[in-house]
Each structure stands twice: as structure tokens, then as C-alpha cells.
Amino acid sequence: MTAPSELLRTTKPDYVESGWYRSAIPLGDPSPERLRQSIDGISRKIRPEVALEADGTTVRAIHGCHPFDEVCARPITLPSLAELAEELLKEPVYVYQFKVNLTPPYDGAAWP
């Protein structure tokens, strides 16, 4: 991985300008494919964390799957991600909400 100071130097201008940052550097395990597989598996289960559309069958979102799914928990525990966020914000960070939106853009009901 790139040195933290180099990553911060290249990240900060993008973050300041747009309010978010998309890393060109892979953050490590799990891969996007492993995350997709895990989320697909969770979305097929009947659980309180799986929110459905009004039709009762289309999965709209999965809320808070990190406490029970190791693959989903991994990205929020990556030291490199937390360290970068803390450097950008100049304060400690924590996970407030972990949600996977599955409804395609412009489909589904409005969020309350």
C-alpha cells in the first residue's frame, strides 16, 4: 500500500473539493467480488436487517450486516481506511451506519 503521507497528499484535494473520495488503490481483502457474494447471500435471507420494497419481495437495502457477517465487517476494520479518515477529518472516526442500498437508481419508493 502507498505510504500514509503520500496517500493523504493525493487524497485530500479530492476530498476537500467533492466531500468524498474514491480510492484507486485496492484496500485489501475482501475483494469487491467477495463483498458482492456475501451481500447476495444475506439478501436471500429473512432477517430484520433486510429491508424490502412495498411488494414484499424486492430487497431494497441491508442495514447493519457488519455485526453478523465477517466479510462485511472487514472494510470497516481496515486500519488504513480509519487512519486516512482520521487524518482527513482531524478527529477520531467510528461507524455510525452501515447500509447497502440494492434498489437500482430511480426504482423503488422514496426513503422516508
Protein backbone atom coordinates (compact mmCIF):
# COMPACT_ATOMS: atom_id res chain seq x y z
CA MET A 1 0.00 0.00 0.00
CA THR A 2 1.07 3.60 -0.56
CA ALA A 3 2.69 5.38 2.38
CA PRO A 4 0.06 7.19 4.51
CA SER A 5 1.59 10.64 3.90
CA GLU A 6 1.60 10.10 0.12
CA LEU A 7 -1.96 8.78 0.16
CA LEU A 8 -3.12 11.74 2.22
CA ARG A 9 -1.37 14.18 -0.12
CA THR A 10 -3.18 12.75 -3.14
CA THR A 11 -6.50 12.19 -1.37
CA LYS A 12 -7.07 15.43 0.48
CA PRO A 13 -7.63 17.71 -2.56
CA ASP A 14 -10.31 15.35 -3.93
CA TYR A 15 -11.98 15.06 -0.54
CA VAL A 16 -11.96 18.81 0.09
CA GLU A 17 -13.37 19.55 -3.37
CA SER A 18 -16.13 16.94 -3.53
CA GLY A 19 -16.71 15.79 0.07
CA TRP A 20 -15.88 12.16 -0.73
CA TYR A 21 -13.00 10.13 -2.07
CA ARG A 22 -12.82 7.05 -4.28
CA SER A 23 -9.59 5.17 -3.82
CA ALA A 24 -7.74 3.95 -6.89
CA ILE A 25 -5.75 1.71 -4.56
CA PRO A 26 -7.38 -1.57 -3.50
CA LEU A 27 -7.94 -1.57 0.23
CA GLY A 28 -7.22 -5.27 0.52
CA ASP A 29 -9.34 -8.23 1.49
CA PRO A 30 -12.21 -8.69 0.94
CA SER A 31 -12.35 -8.14 -2.78
CA PRO A 32 -15.39 -6.45 -4.30
CA GLU A 33 -16.44 -9.87 -5.64
CA ARG A 34 -16.37 -11.41 -2.15
CA LEU A 35 -18.43 -8.49 -0.83
CA ARG A 36 -20.98 -8.93 -3.64
CA GLN A 37 -21.24 -12.65 -2.91
CA SER A 38 -21.74 -12.06 0.78
CA ILE A 39 -24.34 -9.34 0.24
CA ASP A 40 -26.15 -11.52 -2.28
CA GLY A 41 -26.30 -14.33 0.27
CA ILE A 42 -27.60 -12.02 3.02
CA SER A 43 -30.23 -10.54 0.71
CA ARG A 44 -31.72 -14.01 0.18
CA LYS A 45 -32.37 -14.46 3.91
CA ILE A 46 -35.30 -13.35 6.00
CA ARG A 47 -33.67 -11.16 8.63
CA PRO A 48 -34.66 -7.90 10.32
CA GLU A 49 -31.67 -6.21 8.65
CA VAL A 50 -33.02 -6.94 5.15
CA ALA A 51 -35.44 -4.17 4.11
CA LEU A 52 -37.92 -4.96 1.34
CA GLU A 53 -39.79 -2.76 -1.12
CA ALA A 54 -43.57 -2.43 -0.79
CA ASP A 55 -44.04 -5.53 -2.98
CA GLY A 56 -42.65 -7.59 -0.09
CA THR A 57 -40.14 -9.48 -2.25
CA THR A 58 -37.69 -7.00 -3.77
CA VAL A 59 -34.76 -6.30 -1.47
CA ARG A 60 -34.29 -2.59 -1.00
CA ALA A 61 -31.37 -2.47 1.41
CA ILE A 62 -29.44 -4.33 4.06
CA HIS A 63 -28.85 -2.44 7.30
CA GLY A 64 -26.07 -3.22 9.73
CA CYS A 65 -24.78 -6.51 8.36
CA HIS A 66 -21.29 -5.95 9.77
CA PRO A 67 -22.04 -7.42 13.25
CA PHE A 68 -23.04 -10.83 11.84
CA ASP A 69 -21.11 -11.07 8.56
CA GLU A 70 -17.32 -11.28 8.68
CA VAL A 71 -16.87 -10.24 5.04
CA CYS A 72 -18.96 -7.08 5.54
CA ALA A 73 -17.21 -6.32 8.82
CA ARG A 74 -13.75 -6.33 7.27
CA PRO A 75 -13.84 -2.99 5.39
CA ILE A 76 -14.84 -1.07 8.50
CA THR A 77 -11.95 -2.53 10.46
CA LEU A 78 -9.20 -1.76 7.94
CA PRO A 79 -6.63 0.34 9.80
CA SER A 80 -5.60 2.09 6.59
CA LEU A 81 -9.15 3.30 5.97
CA ALA A 82 -9.71 4.52 9.53
CA GLU A 83 -6.31 6.21 9.65
CA LEU A 84 -6.95 8.01 6.37
CA ALA A 85 -10.40 9.17 7.52
CA GLU A 86 -8.98 10.42 10.82
CA GLU A 87 -6.21 12.31 9.02
CA LEU A 88 -8.68 13.93 6.65
CA LEU A 89 -11.14 14.89 9.38
CA LYS A 90 -8.54 15.59 12.10
CA GLU A 91 -10.60 13.70 14.68
CA PRO A 92 -11.44 10.11 15.66
CA VAL A 93 -13.92 8.24 13.47
CA TYR A 94 -16.35 5.36 14.02
CA VAL A 95 -19.02 3.55 12.03
CA TYR A 96 -22.34 5.29 12.53
CA GLN A 97 -24.32 3.48 9.88
CA PHE A 98 -23.54 0.55 7.63
CA LYS A 99 -26.09 0.16 4.86
CA VAL A 100 -26.03 -1.49 1.46
CA ASN A 101 -28.58 0.00 -0.96
CA LEU A 102 -29.68 -2.58 -3.51
CA THR A 103 -32.52 -0.75 -5.25
CA PRO A 104 -31.40 0.44 -8.69
CA PRO A 105 -31.37 4.24 -9.18
CA TYR A 106 -34.80 5.73 -9.79
CA ASP A 107 -36.58 2.49 -8.82
CA GLY A 108 -38.40 1.77 -5.61
CA ALA A 109 -40.17 4.05 -3.17
CA ALA A 110 -38.73 7.23 -1.73
CA TRP A 111 -36.79 6.92 1.52
CA PRO A 112 -38.77 8.15 4.49
